[in-house]
Amino acid sequence: MADQLSKMKEQRANGTYFLLSWTLTQSAVNTVSCPLLSDSIIDMAGPARKALYTDLLPAVSGNTYPQMIQIDDASAATDIIPLVLAMLYKAQATR
């Protein structure tokens, strides 16, 4: 999370487009043991998306926001449209 937010602030300060990659990476051990001993990427995607509201949304401003968002399990991501609308509203309100 910190890496992506830092990159967003840096790239947007230069006026370039930014793709926020909010995806998870499993360790080799978790990948091999899944689903017996650990959760899959799909299982972890929902809780990870919630962090978009708690971590990304506060970092959005009129000059700092992603133009694209990449997430895991987009088919179940009905919460992304309200997030994008909130980000656009906040970015416009803080210009």
N, C-alpha and C. Protein backbone atom coordinates (compact mmCIF):
# COMPACT_ATOMS: atom_id res chain seq x y z
N MET A 1 0.82 -1.19 0.00
CA MET A 1 0.00 0.00 0.00
C MET A 1 0.86 1.25 0.00
N ALA A 2 1.81 1.29 0.90
CA ALA A 2 2.66 2.47 1.01
C ALA A 2 3.42 2.71 -0.29
N ASP A 3 3.88 1.66 -0.92
CA ASP A 3 4.62 1.77 -2.18
C ASP A 3 3.76 2.41 -3.27
N GLN A 4 2.54 1.93 -3.42
CA GLN A 4 1.66 2.44 -4.46
C GLN A 4 1.27 3.90 -4.20
N LEU A 5 0.99 4.24 -2.94
CA LEU A 5 0.62 5.61 -2.62
C LEU A 5 1.80 6.56 -2.85
N SER A 6 2.99 6.11 -2.52
CA SER A 6 4.19 6.91 -2.75
C SER A 6 4.42 7.13 -4.24
N LYS A 7 4.29 6.08 -5.03
CA LYS A 7 4.46 6.19 -6.48
C LYS A 7 3.39 7.10 -7.08
N MET A 8 2.16 7.02 -6.57
CA MET A 8 1.09 7.87 -7.09
C MET A 8 1.43 9.34 -6.86
N LYS A 9 1.87 9.68 -5.66
CA LYS A 9 2.21 11.08 -5.36
C LYS A 9 3.37 11.55 -6.23
N GLU A 10 4.37 10.71 -6.41
CA GLU A 10 5.55 11.07 -7.19
C GLU A 10 5.20 11.25 -8.67
N GLN A 11 4.50 10.29 -9.24
CA GLN A 11 4.19 10.35 -10.67
C GLN A 11 3.20 11.46 -10.99
N ARG A 12 2.22 11.65 -10.13
CA ARG A 12 1.23 12.69 -10.39
C ARG A 12 1.85 14.08 -10.24
N ALA A 13 2.85 14.21 -9.38
CA ALA A 13 3.55 15.49 -9.25
C ALA A 13 4.26 15.85 -10.55
N ASN A 14 4.65 14.84 -11.32
CA ASN A 14 5.30 15.06 -12.61
C ASN A 14 4.29 15.22 -13.74
N GLY A 15 3.01 15.11 -13.42
CA GLY A 15 1.96 15.27 -14.42
C GLY A 15 1.72 14.05 -15.28
N THR A 16 2.24 12.89 -14.88
CA THR A 16 2.05 11.68 -15.68
C THR A 16 0.85 10.89 -15.18
N TYR A 17 0.32 10.05 -16.06
CA TYR A 17 -0.77 9.16 -15.68
C TYR A 17 -0.26 8.13 -14.70
N PHE A 18 -1.17 7.64 -13.85
CA PHE A 18 -0.76 6.65 -12.86
C PHE A 18 -1.74 5.49 -12.81
N LEU A 19 -1.23 4.28 -12.92
CA LEU A 19 -1.99 3.05 -12.75
C LEU A 19 -1.74 2.55 -11.34
N LEU A 20 -2.76 2.58 -10.51
CA LEU A 20 -2.65 2.07 -9.14
C LEU A 20 -2.86 0.56 -9.19
N SER A 21 -1.86 -0.20 -8.82
CA SER A 21 -1.94 -1.65 -8.83
C SER A 21 -2.18 -2.13 -7.41
N TRP A 22 -3.43 -2.43 -7.10
CA TRP A 22 -3.82 -2.87 -5.76
C TRP A 22 -4.06 -4.36 -5.82
N THR A 23 -2.99 -5.09 -6.09
CA THR A 23 -3.08 -6.55 -6.25
C THR A 23 -2.19 -7.23 -5.22
N LEU A 24 -2.53 -8.45 -4.93
CA LEU A 24 -1.81 -9.23 -3.93
C LEU A 24 -0.87 -10.22 -4.61
N THR A 25 0.19 -10.56 -3.91
CA THR A 25 1.13 -11.56 -4.39
C THR A 25 1.34 -12.57 -3.28
N GLN A 26 1.05 -13.82 -3.57
CA GLN A 26 1.26 -14.87 -2.57
C GLN A 26 2.70 -15.35 -2.60
N SER A 27 3.16 -15.79 -1.44
CA SER A 27 4.48 -16.41 -1.39
C SER A 27 4.38 -17.79 -2.03
N ALA A 28 5.50 -18.36 -2.38
CA ALA A 28 5.51 -19.70 -3.00
C ALA A 28 4.89 -20.73 -2.06
N VAL A 29 5.16 -20.62 -0.77
CA VAL A 29 4.60 -21.56 0.21
C VAL A 29 3.08 -21.45 0.25
N ASN A 30 2.56 -20.22 0.27
CA ASN A 30 1.11 -20.04 0.30
C ASN A 30 0.45 -20.52 -0.99
N THR A 31 1.12 -20.34 -2.11
CA THR A 31 0.57 -20.78 -3.38
C THR A 31 0.45 -22.28 -3.43
N VAL A 32 1.48 -22.98 -2.98
CA VAL A 32 1.48 -24.45 -2.99
C VAL A 32 0.49 -25.01 -1.99
N SER A 33 0.36 -24.38 -0.82
CA SER A 33 -0.51 -24.92 0.22
C SER A 33 -1.97 -24.50 0.06
N CYS A 34 -2.23 -23.57 -0.81
CA CYS A 34 -3.59 -23.08 -1.03
C CYS A 34 -4.39 -24.16 -1.75
N PRO A 35 -5.58 -24.45 -1.42
CA PRO A 35 -6.43 -23.88 -0.38
C PRO A 35 -6.41 -24.66 0.94
N LEU A 36 -5.50 -25.58 1.07
CA LEU A 36 -5.48 -26.40 2.27
C LEU A 36 -5.08 -25.63 3.53
N LEU A 37 -4.03 -24.84 3.46
CA LEU A 37 -3.50 -24.18 4.65
C LEU A 37 -3.58 -22.66 4.62
N SER A 38 -3.89 -22.08 3.49
CA SER A 38 -3.93 -20.62 3.42
C SER A 38 -5.04 -20.18 2.48
N ASP A 39 -5.38 -18.91 2.54
CA ASP A 39 -6.40 -18.35 1.67
C ASP A 39 -5.84 -18.11 0.28
N SER A 40 -6.71 -18.14 -0.70
CA SER A 40 -6.30 -17.85 -2.07
C SER A 40 -6.31 -16.34 -2.30
N ILE A 41 -5.78 -15.92 -3.42
CA ILE A 41 -5.81 -14.51 -3.79
C ILE A 41 -7.26 -14.03 -3.83
N ILE A 42 -8.15 -14.83 -4.37
CA ILE A 42 -9.56 -14.46 -4.46
C ILE A 42 -10.14 -14.28 -3.06
N ASP A 43 -9.79 -15.15 -2.12
CA ASP A 43 -10.28 -15.02 -0.74
C ASP A 43 -9.78 -13.74 -0.08
N MET A 44 -8.57 -13.33 -0.41
CA MET A 44 -7.97 -12.15 0.21
C MET A 44 -8.33 -10.85 -0.51
N ALA A 45 -8.88 -10.94 -1.72
CA ALA A 45 -9.15 -9.74 -2.53
C ALA A 45 -10.16 -8.81 -1.89
N GLY A 46 -11.22 -9.35 -1.31
CA GLY A 46 -12.25 -8.51 -0.69
C GLY A 46 -11.71 -7.65 0.43
N PRO A 47 -11.04 -8.26 1.43
CA PRO A 47 -10.46 -7.43 2.49
C PRO A 47 -9.42 -6.43 1.98
N ALA A 48 -8.68 -6.80 0.95
CA ALA A 48 -7.68 -5.88 0.40
C ALA A 48 -8.35 -4.68 -0.25
N ARG A 49 -9.49 -4.90 -0.91
CA ARG A 49 -10.21 -3.79 -1.54
C ARG A 49 -10.74 -2.80 -0.50
N LYS A 50 -11.07 -3.27 0.67
CA LYS A 50 -11.55 -2.37 1.73
C LYS A 50 -10.48 -1.33 2.09
N ALA A 51 -9.22 -1.71 1.96
CA ALA A 51 -8.12 -0.78 2.26
C ALA A 51 -8.07 0.36 1.25
N LEU A 52 -8.69 0.19 0.09
CA LEU A 52 -8.76 1.29 -0.86
C LEU A 52 -9.50 2.47 -0.23
N TYR A 53 -10.53 2.19 0.54
CA TYR A 53 -11.30 3.25 1.21
C TYR A 53 -10.52 3.86 2.37
N THR A 54 -9.82 3.03 3.12
CA THR A 54 -9.14 3.55 4.32
C THR A 54 -7.77 4.13 4.02
N ASP A 55 -7.11 3.68 2.95
CA ASP A 55 -5.76 4.14 2.65
C ASP A 55 -5.67 5.01 1.40
N LEU A 56 -6.34 4.60 0.33
CA LEU A 56 -6.25 5.36 -0.92
C LEU A 56 -7.10 6.63 -0.86
N LEU A 57 -8.35 6.52 -0.49
CA LEU A 57 -9.24 7.67 -0.53
C LEU A 57 -8.71 8.87 0.26
N PRO A 58 -8.15 8.68 1.46
CA PRO A 58 -7.59 9.84 2.16
C PRO A 58 -6.38 10.47 1.45
N ALA A 59 -5.69 9.70 0.62
CA ALA A 59 -4.51 10.21 -0.09
C ALA A 59 -4.86 10.97 -1.36
N VAL A 60 -6.12 10.89 -1.79
CA VAL A 60 -6.56 11.55 -3.02
C VAL A 60 -6.74 13.04 -2.78
N SER A 61 -6.26 13.83 -3.75
CA SER A 61 -6.48 15.27 -3.71
C SER A 61 -6.68 15.75 -5.14
N GLY A 62 -6.82 17.04 -5.31
CA GLY A 62 -7.02 17.60 -6.63
C GLY A 62 -5.90 17.33 -7.60
N ASN A 63 -4.69 17.13 -7.10
CA ASN A 63 -3.53 16.87 -7.95
C ASN A 63 -3.00 15.45 -7.84
N THR A 64 -3.50 14.70 -6.88
CA THR A 64 -2.97 13.36 -6.64
C THR A 64 -4.12 12.35 -6.62
N TYR A 65 -4.20 11.59 -7.70
CA TYR A 65 -5.23 10.56 -7.82
C TYR A 65 -4.82 9.62 -8.95
N PRO A 66 -5.25 8.36 -8.90
CA PRO A 66 -4.92 7.44 -9.99
C PRO A 66 -5.90 7.61 -11.15
N GLN A 67 -5.43 7.43 -12.36
CA GLN A 67 -6.31 7.44 -13.51
C GLN A 67 -6.86 6.05 -13.80
N MET A 68 -6.15 5.04 -13.33
CA MET A 68 -6.57 3.65 -13.52
C MET A 68 -6.31 2.89 -12.23
N ILE A 69 -7.15 1.89 -11.96
CA ILE A 69 -6.97 1.05 -10.78
C ILE A 69 -7.02 -0.41 -11.23
N GLN A 70 -6.02 -1.17 -10.81
CA GLN A 70 -5.95 -2.59 -11.13
C GLN A 70 -6.15 -3.35 -9.82
N ILE A 71 -7.12 -4.27 -9.80
CA ILE A 71 -7.42 -5.02 -8.57
C ILE A 71 -7.55 -6.51 -8.88
N ASP A 72 -7.49 -7.31 -7.82
CA ASP A 72 -7.76 -8.74 -7.93
C ASP A 72 -9.27 -8.97 -7.88
N ASP A 73 -9.74 -9.99 -8.57
CA ASP A 73 -11.14 -10.43 -8.55
C ASP A 73 -12.10 -9.29 -8.87
N ALA A 74 -11.90 -8.66 -10.00
CA ALA A 74 -12.75 -7.53 -10.40
C ALA A 74 -14.20 -7.94 -10.59
N SER A 75 -14.46 -9.21 -10.87
CA SER A 75 -15.84 -9.65 -11.10
C SER A 75 -16.70 -9.50 -9.85
N ALA A 76 -16.09 -9.51 -8.68
CA ALA A 76 -16.84 -9.39 -7.43
C ALA A 76 -16.72 -7.99 -6.83
N ALA A 77 -16.13 -7.06 -7.54
CA ALA A 77 -15.80 -5.75 -7.00
C ALA A 77 -16.91 -4.73 -7.23
N THR A 78 -18.07 -4.98 -6.69
CA THR A 78 -19.18 -4.04 -6.84
C THR A 78 -18.94 -2.76 -6.04
N ASP A 79 -17.96 -2.78 -5.15
CA ASP A 79 -17.65 -1.61 -4.33
C ASP A 79 -16.69 -0.63 -5.01
N ILE A 80 -16.21 -0.95 -6.19
CA ILE A 80 -15.22 -0.10 -6.87
C ILE A 80 -15.88 1.14 -7.49
N ILE A 81 -17.05 1.01 -8.06
CA ILE A 81 -17.69 2.18 -8.68
C ILE A 81 -17.95 3.28 -7.65
N PRO A 82 -18.52 2.98 -6.47
CA PRO A 82 -18.67 4.05 -5.48
C PRO A 82 -17.33 4.66 -5.05
N LEU A 83 -16.28 3.84 -4.99
CA LEU A 83 -14.96 4.35 -4.63
C LEU A 83 -14.46 5.34 -5.69
N VAL A 84 -14.58 4.96 -6.95
CA VAL A 84 -14.12 5.83 -8.03
C VAL A 84 -14.90 7.15 -8.02
N LEU A 85 -16.20 7.07 -7.81
CA LEU A 85 -17.01 8.30 -7.73
C LEU A 85 -16.57 9.17 -6.56
N ALA A 86 -16.29 8.55 -5.42
CA ALA A 86 -15.81 9.31 -4.26
C ALA A 86 -14.46 9.96 -4.53
N MET A 87 -13.58 9.24 -5.22
CA MET A 87 -12.27 9.80 -5.56
C MET A 87 -12.42 10.99 -6.51
N LEU A 88 -13.27 10.85 -7.53
CA LEU A 88 -13.48 11.95 -8.46
C LEU A 88 -14.07 13.16 -7.76
N TYR A 89 -15.04 12.93 -6.90
CA TYR A 89 -15.65 14.03 -6.16
C TYR A 89 -14.60 14.74 -5.29
N LYS A 90 -13.80 13.94 -4.57
CA LYS A 90 -12.80 14.53 -3.68
C LYS A 90 -11.73 15.28 -4.49
N ALA A 91 -11.30 14.71 -5.60
CA ALA A 91 -10.29 15.37 -6.44
C ALA A 91 -10.82 16.70 -6.97
N GLN A 92 -12.07 16.72 -7.42
CA GLN A 92 -12.66 17.95 -7.93
C GLN A 92 -12.85 18.98 -6.81
N ALA A 93 -13.25 18.53 -5.64
CA ALA A 93 -13.54 19.43 -4.52
C ALA A 93 -12.28 20.07 -3.96
N THR A 94 -11.13 19.42 -4.14
CA THR A 94 -9.88 19.93 -3.56
C THR A 94 -9.00 20.64 -4.59
N ARG A 95 -9.53 20.92 -5.75
CA ARG A 95 -8.75 21.64 -6.78
C ARG A 95 -8.75 23.11 -6.52
